[in-house]
Amino acid sequence: MASSGLQTLIELAENAVDTAAKNLGRSIKARDDANEQLNLLEQYRTDYEAKFQSHAQRGLNVTQFTNYQGFIGKLDLAIEGQKKLVMDAEYRIDIAKRAWQECEKKRLSYKTLIDRNAQVELKKEMKRDQKQTDERATRKLFYKK
């Protein structure tokens, strides 16, 4: 394959690497956002439970007690749901990371092919130069005699 063809493949591979890297970045940001939301929910639950404990020590009627317990239960469900979102985001990061690695591997393999091609061309050029130098030296020697 011609060097320009390989160069085109490298450019396409670089574009794929850039796209994969952006996808990985978005996946990491989504995970970080999900973790932040989880932390906020957990902190809110802790604060709400402390408020419940404080009010419980002063005395609560059945309705208030039920409302506190119900809301804490809903917070627990929200926290569990958010944990699942964080796990899903981690999974998406793994997928995006593997995709980026595959694109990078392909790009590097194309680059290796270009480097090898350049080495072959350099060796051919050096052989041509050496052959021309040898021919000149032979002619010089021949004409001197």
N, C-alpha and C. Protein backbone atom coordinates (compact mmCIF):
# COMPACT_ATOMS: atom_id res chain seq x y z
N MET A 1 0.85 -1.17 0.00
CA MET A 1 0.00 0.00 0.00
C MET A 1 0.89 1.23 0.00
N ALA A 2 0.49 2.24 -0.73
CA ALA A 2 1.28 3.45 -0.83
C ALA A 2 1.29 4.19 0.50
N SER A 3 2.35 4.97 0.67
CA SER A 3 2.50 5.73 1.91
C SER A 3 1.34 6.70 2.12
N SER A 4 0.86 7.30 1.02
CA SER A 4 -0.27 8.24 1.15
C SER A 4 -1.53 7.49 1.60
N GLY A 5 -1.69 6.26 1.16
CA GLY A 5 -2.83 5.45 1.60
C GLY A 5 -2.74 5.15 3.08
N LEU A 6 -1.53 4.82 3.53
CA LEU A 6 -1.33 4.58 4.96
C LEU A 6 -1.55 5.86 5.77
N GLN A 7 -1.11 6.97 5.20
CA GLN A 7 -1.30 8.26 5.89
C GLN A 7 -2.79 8.56 6.04
N THR A 8 -3.57 8.24 5.01
CA THR A 8 -5.01 8.44 5.09
C THR A 8 -5.61 7.56 6.18
N LEU A 9 -5.14 6.30 6.25
CA LEU A 9 -5.61 5.40 7.30
C LEU A 9 -5.25 5.94 8.69
N ILE A 10 -4.07 6.49 8.83
CA ILE A 10 -3.65 7.05 10.12
C ILE A 10 -4.55 8.23 10.48
N GLU A 11 -4.84 9.08 9.51
CA GLU A 11 -5.71 10.23 9.79
C GLU A 11 -7.10 9.76 10.23
N LEU A 12 -7.62 8.76 9.54
CA LEU A 12 -8.92 8.21 9.93
C LEU A 12 -8.85 7.59 11.32
N ALA A 13 -7.77 6.88 11.59
CA ALA A 13 -7.59 6.27 12.91
C ALA A 13 -7.46 7.34 13.99
N GLU A 14 -6.75 8.43 13.69
CA GLU A 14 -6.61 9.52 14.66
C GLU A 14 -7.97 10.15 14.96
N ASN A 15 -8.79 10.31 13.92
CA ASN A 15 -10.14 10.83 14.14
C ASN A 15 -10.94 9.89 15.02
N ALA A 16 -10.80 8.59 14.77
CA ALA A 16 -11.51 7.60 15.59
C ALA A 16 -11.01 7.65 17.04
N VAL A 17 -9.70 7.82 17.22
CA VAL A 17 -9.13 7.92 18.58
C VAL A 17 -9.69 9.16 19.28
N ASP A 18 -9.74 10.27 18.57
CA ASP A 18 -10.27 11.50 19.16
C ASP A 18 -11.73 11.33 19.57
N THR A 19 -12.51 10.72 18.70
CA THR A 19 -13.92 10.48 19.01
C THR A 19 -14.07 9.56 20.21
N ALA A 20 -13.27 8.49 20.23
CA ALA A 20 -13.33 7.54 21.35
C ALA A 20 -12.89 8.21 22.64
N ALA A 21 -11.88 9.08 22.57
CA ALA A 21 -11.41 9.78 23.77
C ALA A 21 -12.49 10.73 24.29
N LYS A 22 -13.19 11.39 23.38
CA LYS A 22 -14.29 12.27 23.80
C LYS A 22 -15.41 11.47 24.45
N ASN A 23 -15.72 10.32 23.87
CA ASN A 23 -16.75 9.46 24.46
C ASN A 23 -16.32 8.99 25.85
N LEU A 24 -15.06 8.64 25.99
CA LEU A 24 -14.54 8.24 27.31
C LEU A 24 -14.65 9.39 28.30
N GLY A 25 -14.31 10.58 27.86
CA GLY A 25 -14.42 11.75 28.73
C GLY A 25 -15.85 12.01 29.17
N ARG A 26 -16.78 11.87 28.22
CA ARG A 26 -18.20 12.06 28.58
C ARG A 26 -18.64 10.98 29.57
N SER A 27 -18.17 9.76 29.37
CA SER A 27 -18.54 8.66 30.28
C SER A 27 -18.00 8.92 31.69
N ILE A 28 -16.78 9.41 31.76
CA ILE A 28 -16.18 9.71 33.06
C ILE A 28 -16.94 10.85 33.74
N LYS A 29 -17.31 11.87 32.94
CA LYS A 29 -18.07 12.99 33.52
C LYS A 29 -19.43 12.51 34.02
N ALA A 30 -20.09 11.64 33.26
CA ALA A 30 -21.40 11.12 33.68
C ALA A 30 -21.26 10.33 34.98
N ARG A 31 -20.19 9.55 35.11
CA ARG A 31 -19.96 8.80 36.34
C ARG A 31 -19.71 9.74 37.51
N ASP A 32 -18.89 10.77 37.27
CA ASP A 32 -18.60 11.73 38.33
C ASP A 32 -19.87 12.46 38.77
N ASP A 33 -20.71 12.83 37.79
CA ASP A 33 -21.98 13.48 38.12
C ASP A 33 -22.89 12.54 38.92
N ALA A 34 -22.94 11.28 38.51
CA ALA A 34 -23.76 10.29 39.22
C ALA A 34 -23.24 10.09 40.64
N ASN A 35 -21.92 10.05 40.80
CA ASN A 35 -21.33 9.91 42.14
C ASN A 35 -21.66 11.13 43.01
N GLU A 36 -21.58 12.30 42.40
CA GLU A 36 -21.89 13.53 43.14
C GLU A 36 -23.35 13.51 43.61
N GLN A 37 -24.24 13.09 42.72
CA GLN A 37 -25.65 13.00 43.07
C GLN A 37 -25.86 11.97 44.19
N LEU A 38 -25.16 10.85 44.10
CA LEU A 38 -25.25 9.82 45.14
C LEU A 38 -24.77 10.38 46.48
N ASN A 39 -23.67 11.09 46.48
CA ASN A 39 -23.15 11.68 47.71
C ASN A 39 -24.15 12.68 48.31
N LEU A 40 -24.78 13.47 47.43
CA LEU A 40 -25.78 14.43 47.92
C LEU A 40 -26.98 13.71 48.54
N LEU A 41 -27.44 12.65 47.88
CA LEU A 41 -28.57 11.89 48.42
C LEU A 41 -28.21 11.26 49.77
N GLU A 42 -27.01 10.70 49.87
CA GLU A 42 -26.58 10.07 51.12
C GLU A 42 -26.45 11.11 52.23
N GLN A 43 -25.92 12.28 51.89
CA GLN A 43 -25.78 13.35 52.88
C GLN A 43 -27.16 13.84 53.31
N TYR A 44 -28.07 13.99 52.36
CA TYR A 44 -29.42 14.43 52.68
C TYR A 44 -30.11 13.41 53.58
N ARG A 45 -29.91 12.12 53.30
CA ARG A 45 -30.52 11.08 54.13
C ARG A 45 -29.97 11.14 55.56
N THR A 46 -28.65 11.32 55.66
CA THR A 46 -28.02 11.41 56.98
C THR A 46 -28.58 12.61 57.75
N ASP A 47 -28.68 13.74 57.08
CA ASP A 47 -29.22 14.94 57.73
C ASP A 47 -30.69 14.75 58.12
N TYR A 48 -31.46 14.14 57.23
CA TYR A 48 -32.87 13.92 57.50
C TYR A 48 -33.07 12.94 58.65
N GLU A 49 -32.23 11.91 58.69
CA GLU A 49 -32.34 10.95 59.79
C GLU A 49 -31.96 11.61 61.12
N ALA A 50 -30.97 12.49 61.08
CA ALA A 50 -30.60 13.22 62.31
C ALA A 50 -31.76 14.11 62.77
N LYS A 51 -32.41 14.74 61.82
CA LYS A 51 -33.58 15.57 62.13
C LYS A 51 -34.69 14.69 62.73
N PHE A 52 -34.89 13.53 62.14
CA PHE A 52 -35.89 12.59 62.65
C PHE A 52 -35.57 12.18 64.08
N GLN A 53 -34.31 11.83 64.34
CA GLN A 53 -33.90 11.41 65.68
C GLN A 53 -34.13 12.54 66.69
N SER A 54 -33.80 13.76 66.27
CA SER A 54 -33.98 14.92 67.15
C SER A 54 -35.47 15.12 67.49
N HIS A 55 -36.31 15.03 66.49
CA HIS A 55 -37.74 15.20 66.73
C HIS A 55 -38.32 14.02 67.50
N ALA A 56 -37.78 12.84 67.26
CA ALA A 56 -38.28 11.64 67.95
C ALA A 56 -37.99 11.74 69.45
N GLN A 57 -36.86 12.34 69.81
CA GLN A 57 -36.53 12.48 71.23
C GLN A 57 -37.51 13.44 71.92
N ARG A 58 -38.01 14.41 71.19
CA ARG A 58 -38.97 15.36 71.75
C ARG A 58 -40.39 14.82 71.69
N GLY A 59 -40.56 13.78 70.90
CA GLY A 59 -41.88 13.15 70.80
C GLY A 59 -42.53 13.41 69.46
N LEU A 60 -43.03 12.35 68.87
CA LEU A 60 -43.72 12.44 67.59
C LEU A 60 -45.05 11.71 67.68
N ASN A 61 -46.01 12.23 66.93
CA ASN A 61 -47.26 11.46 66.86
C ASN A 61 -47.09 10.40 65.77
N VAL A 62 -48.07 9.53 65.63
CA VAL A 62 -47.98 8.40 64.69
C VAL A 62 -47.84 8.89 63.25
N THR A 63 -48.55 9.92 62.89
CA THR A 63 -48.51 10.45 61.53
C THR A 63 -47.13 10.99 61.21
N GLN A 64 -46.57 11.77 62.14
CA GLN A 64 -45.23 12.32 61.91
C GLN A 64 -44.20 11.20 61.81
N PHE A 65 -44.30 10.23 62.69
CA PHE A 65 -43.38 9.09 62.67
C PHE A 65 -43.48 8.36 61.33
N THR A 66 -44.70 8.11 60.88
CA THR A 66 -44.92 7.41 59.60
C THR A 66 -44.37 8.22 58.43
N ASN A 67 -44.59 9.54 58.48
CA ASN A 67 -44.07 10.40 57.41
C ASN A 67 -42.54 10.36 57.36
N TYR A 68 -41.89 10.47 58.51
CA TYR A 68 -40.42 10.40 58.55
C TYR A 68 -39.93 9.07 58.01
N GLN A 69 -40.54 7.98 58.52
CA GLN A 69 -40.11 6.65 58.08
C GLN A 69 -40.37 6.45 56.58
N GLY A 70 -41.48 6.92 56.09
CA GLY A 70 -41.80 6.80 54.67
C GLY A 70 -40.82 7.56 53.80
N PHE A 71 -40.50 8.77 54.24
CA PHE A 71 -39.58 9.58 53.44
C PHE A 71 -38.17 8.98 53.47
N ILE A 72 -37.75 8.49 54.61
CA ILE A 72 -36.43 7.83 54.70
C ILE A 72 -36.42 6.60 53.79
N GLY A 73 -37.52 5.86 53.75
CA GLY A 73 -37.61 4.72 52.84
C GLY A 73 -37.48 5.14 51.39
N LYS A 74 -38.13 6.25 51.04
CA LYS A 74 -38.02 6.76 49.67
C LYS A 74 -36.61 7.22 49.36
N LEU A 75 -35.96 7.84 50.34
CA LEU A 75 -34.56 8.23 50.14
C LEU A 75 -33.67 7.00 49.94
N ASP A 76 -33.94 5.95 50.71
CA ASP A 76 -33.16 4.71 50.55
C ASP A 76 -33.34 4.14 49.14
N LEU A 77 -34.57 4.17 48.64
CA LEU A 77 -34.82 3.69 47.27
C LEU A 77 -34.09 4.55 46.25
N ALA A 78 -34.12 5.86 46.46
CA ALA A 78 -33.43 6.77 45.55
C ALA A 78 -31.92 6.53 45.59
N ILE A 79 -31.40 6.27 46.77
CA ILE A 79 -29.96 5.99 46.92
C ILE A 79 -29.61 4.70 46.19
N GLU A 80 -30.42 3.67 46.35
CA GLU A 80 -30.16 2.40 45.66
C GLU A 80 -30.23 2.58 44.14
N GLY A 81 -31.21 3.35 43.69
CA GLY A 81 -31.31 3.64 42.25
C GLY A 81 -30.09 4.40 41.75
N GLN A 82 -29.62 5.35 42.55
CA GLN A 82 -28.45 6.13 42.16
C GLN A 82 -27.20 5.26 42.15
N LYS A 83 -27.10 4.32 43.08
CA LYS A 83 -25.96 3.40 43.08
C LYS A 83 -25.94 2.57 41.79
N LYS A 84 -27.13 2.18 41.33
CA LYS A 84 -27.21 1.44 40.07
C LYS A 84 -26.76 2.31 38.91
N LEU A 85 -27.13 3.60 38.95
CA LEU A 85 -26.68 4.52 37.90
C LEU A 85 -25.15 4.67 37.92
N VAL A 86 -24.56 4.71 39.10
CA VAL A 86 -23.11 4.81 39.20
C VAL A 86 -22.47 3.55 38.64
N MET A 87 -23.03 2.39 38.97
CA MET A 87 -22.48 1.13 38.45
C MET A 87 -22.61 1.08 36.92
N ASP A 88 -23.73 1.55 36.41
CA ASP A 88 -23.92 1.59 34.96
C ASP A 88 -22.91 2.54 34.32
N ALA A 89 -22.67 3.66 34.96
CA ALA A 89 -21.69 4.62 34.44
C ALA A 89 -20.29 4.01 34.44
N GLU A 90 -19.96 3.25 35.47
CA GLU A 90 -18.66 2.57 35.52
C GLU A 90 -18.54 1.57 34.37
N TYR A 91 -19.62 0.85 34.10
CA TYR A 91 -19.64 -0.12 33.00
C TYR A 91 -19.42 0.60 31.67
N ARG A 92 -20.09 1.74 31.50
CA ARG A 92 -19.93 2.52 30.26
C ARG A 92 -18.50 3.05 30.11
N ILE A 93 -17.87 3.39 31.23
CA ILE A 93 -16.48 3.82 31.18
C ILE A 93 -15.60 2.67 30.69
N ASP A 94 -15.84 1.48 31.21
CA ASP A 94 -15.06 0.32 30.77
C ASP A 94 -15.21 0.09 29.27
N ILE A 95 -16.44 0.18 28.79
CA ILE A 95 -16.68 -0.01 27.35
C ILE A 95 -15.98 1.09 26.54
N ALA A 96 -16.12 2.32 26.98
CA ALA A 96 -15.50 3.45 26.27
C ALA A 96 -13.98 3.35 26.31
N LYS A 97 -13.44 2.90 27.44
CA LYS A 97 -11.99 2.75 27.56
C LYS A 97 -11.48 1.68 26.60
N ARG A 98 -12.20 0.55 26.52
CA ARG A 98 -11.80 -0.52 25.60
C ARG A 98 -11.88 -0.04 24.15
N ALA A 99 -12.93 0.72 23.83
CA ALA A 99 -13.07 1.25 22.47
C ALA A 99 -11.92 2.19 22.14
N TRP A 100 -11.57 3.06 23.08
CA TRP A 100 -10.46 3.99 22.88
C TRP A 100 -9.15 3.21 22.70
N GLN A 101 -8.94 2.19 23.53
CA GLN A 101 -7.72 1.40 23.42
C GLN A 101 -7.63 0.70 22.06
N GLU A 102 -8.75 0.18 21.58
CA GLU A 102 -8.76 -0.48 20.27
C GLU A 102 -8.42 0.52 19.16
N CYS A 103 -9.01 1.70 19.22
CA CYS A 103 -8.72 2.73 18.22
C CYS A 103 -7.26 3.14 18.27
N GLU A 104 -6.74 3.30 19.47
CA GLU A 104 -5.34 3.69 19.64
C GLU A 104 -4.42 2.59 19.13
N LYS A 105 -4.77 1.35 19.40
CA LYS A 105 -3.98 0.21 18.93
C LYS A 105 -3.93 0.19 17.40
N LYS A 106 -5.07 0.43 16.78
CA LYS A 106 -5.13 0.46 15.32
C LYS A 106 -4.29 1.61 14.77
N ARG A 107 -4.40 2.77 15.40
CA ARG A 107 -3.62 3.93 14.95
C ARG A 107 -2.13 3.65 15.05
N LEU A 108 -1.73 3.05 16.16
CA LEU A 108 -0.31 2.74 16.35
C LEU A 108 0.17 1.68 15.35
N SER A 109 -0.70 0.74 15.01
CA SER A 109 -0.29 -0.27 14.04
C SER A 109 -0.09 0.36 12.66
N TYR A 110 -0.97 1.31 12.30
CA TYR A 110 -0.78 2.02 11.03
C TYR A 110 0.51 2.83 11.05
N LYS A 111 0.76 3.46 12.18
CA LYS A 111 1.99 4.25 12.30
C LYS A 111 3.21 3.35 12.17
N THR A 112 3.13 2.18 12.77
CA THR A 112 4.23 1.22 12.67
C THR A 112 4.44 0.82 11.21
N LEU A 113 3.35 0.60 10.49
CA LEU A 113 3.47 0.26 9.07
C LEU A 113 4.13 1.39 8.29
N ILE A 114 3.76 2.62 8.58
CA ILE A 114 4.40 3.75 7.89
C ILE A 114 5.88 3.82 8.23
N ASP A 115 6.20 3.62 9.51
CA ASP A 115 7.60 3.66 9.92
C ASP A 115 8.40 2.56 9.23
N ARG A 116 7.82 1.37 9.16
CA ARG A 116 8.50 0.27 8.47
C ARG A 116 8.66 0.58 6.99
N ASN A 117 7.62 1.12 6.39
CA ASN A 117 7.67 1.49 4.98
C ASN A 117 8.76 2.54 4.75
N ALA A 118 8.85 3.49 5.64
CA ALA A 118 9.89 4.53 5.53
C ALA A 118 11.27 3.91 5.66
N GLN A 119 11.42 2.94 6.56
CA GLN A 119 12.71 2.26 6.72
C GLN A 119 13.10 1.51 5.44
N VAL A 120 12.12 0.82 4.85
CA VAL A 120 12.37 0.08 3.60
C VAL A 120 12.78 1.05 2.50
N GLU A 121 12.04 2.15 2.39
CA GLU A 121 12.37 3.15 1.38
C GLU A 121 13.76 3.75 1.61
N LEU A 122 14.10 3.99 2.86
CA LEU A 122 15.42 4.53 3.19
C LEU A 122 16.51 3.54 2.81
N LYS A 123 16.30 2.27 3.10
CA LYS A 123 17.29 1.25 2.73
C LYS A 123 17.45 1.17 1.22
N LYS A 124 16.33 1.24 0.49
CA LYS A 124 16.39 1.22 -0.97
C LYS A 124 17.17 2.42 -1.49
N GLU A 125 16.89 3.58 -0.92
CA GLU A 125 17.59 4.80 -1.33
C GLU A 125 19.09 4.69 -1.04
N MET A 126 19.40 4.15 0.13
CA MET A 126 20.82 4.00 0.48
C MET A 126 21.51 3.01 -0.46
N LYS A 127 20.82 1.95 -0.85
CA LYS A 127 21.39 0.99 -1.80
C LYS A 127 21.60 1.64 -3.16
N ARG A 128 20.62 2.44 -3.60
CA ARG A 128 20.77 3.15 -4.89
C ARG A 128 21.96 4.10 -4.83
N ASP A 129 22.06 4.84 -3.73
CA ASP A 129 23.19 5.76 -3.58
C ASP A 129 24.51 5.01 -3.58
N GLN A 130 24.55 3.89 -2.86
CA GLN A 130 25.77 3.10 -2.80
C GLN A 130 26.12 2.55 -4.18
N LYS A 131 25.10 2.10 -4.91
CA LYS A 131 25.32 1.56 -6.25
C LYS A 131 25.85 2.64 -7.17
N GLN A 132 25.28 3.84 -7.10
CA GLN A 132 25.75 4.95 -7.92
C GLN A 132 27.18 5.32 -7.56
N THR A 133 27.47 5.33 -6.27
CA THR A 133 28.83 5.65 -5.82
C THR A 133 29.80 4.59 -6.33
N ASP A 134 29.42 3.33 -6.24
CA ASP A 134 30.28 2.24 -6.73
C ASP A 134 30.49 2.35 -8.23
N GLU A 135 29.40 2.67 -8.96
CA GLU A 135 29.53 2.81 -10.41
C GLU A 135 30.45 3.97 -10.77
N ARG A 136 30.35 5.07 -10.08
CA ARG A 136 31.24 6.22 -10.35
C ARG A 136 32.69 5.85 -10.06
N ALA A 137 32.87 5.16 -8.94
CA ALA A 137 34.24 4.77 -8.59
C ALA A 137 34.79 3.80 -9.63
N THR A 138 33.95 2.89 -10.11
CA THR A 138 34.40 1.93 -11.13
C THR A 138 34.71 2.65 -12.43
N ARG A 139 33.89 3.59 -12.84
CA ARG A 139 34.15 4.36 -14.06
C ARG A 139 35.43 5.17 -13.93
N LYS A 140 35.60 5.78 -12.80
CA LYS A 140 36.80 6.59 -12.55
C LYS A 140 38.04 5.71 -12.69
N LEU A 141 37.96 4.57 -12.06
CA LEU A 141 39.08 3.64 -12.09
C LEU A 141 39.31 3.14 -13.52
N PHE A 142 38.24 2.87 -14.24
CA PHE A 142 38.33 2.37 -15.61
C PHE A 142 38.94 3.42 -16.52
N TYR A 143 38.55 4.68 -16.40
CA TYR A 143 39.05 5.74 -17.27
C TYR A 143 40.48 6.12 -16.94
N LYS A 144 40.90 5.90 -15.72
CA LYS A 144 42.29 6.19 -15.34
C LYS A 144 43.24 5.24 -16.01
N LYS A 145 42.83 4.03 -16.26
CA LYS A 145 43.70 3.02 -16.85
C LYS A 145 43.76 3.25 -18.29
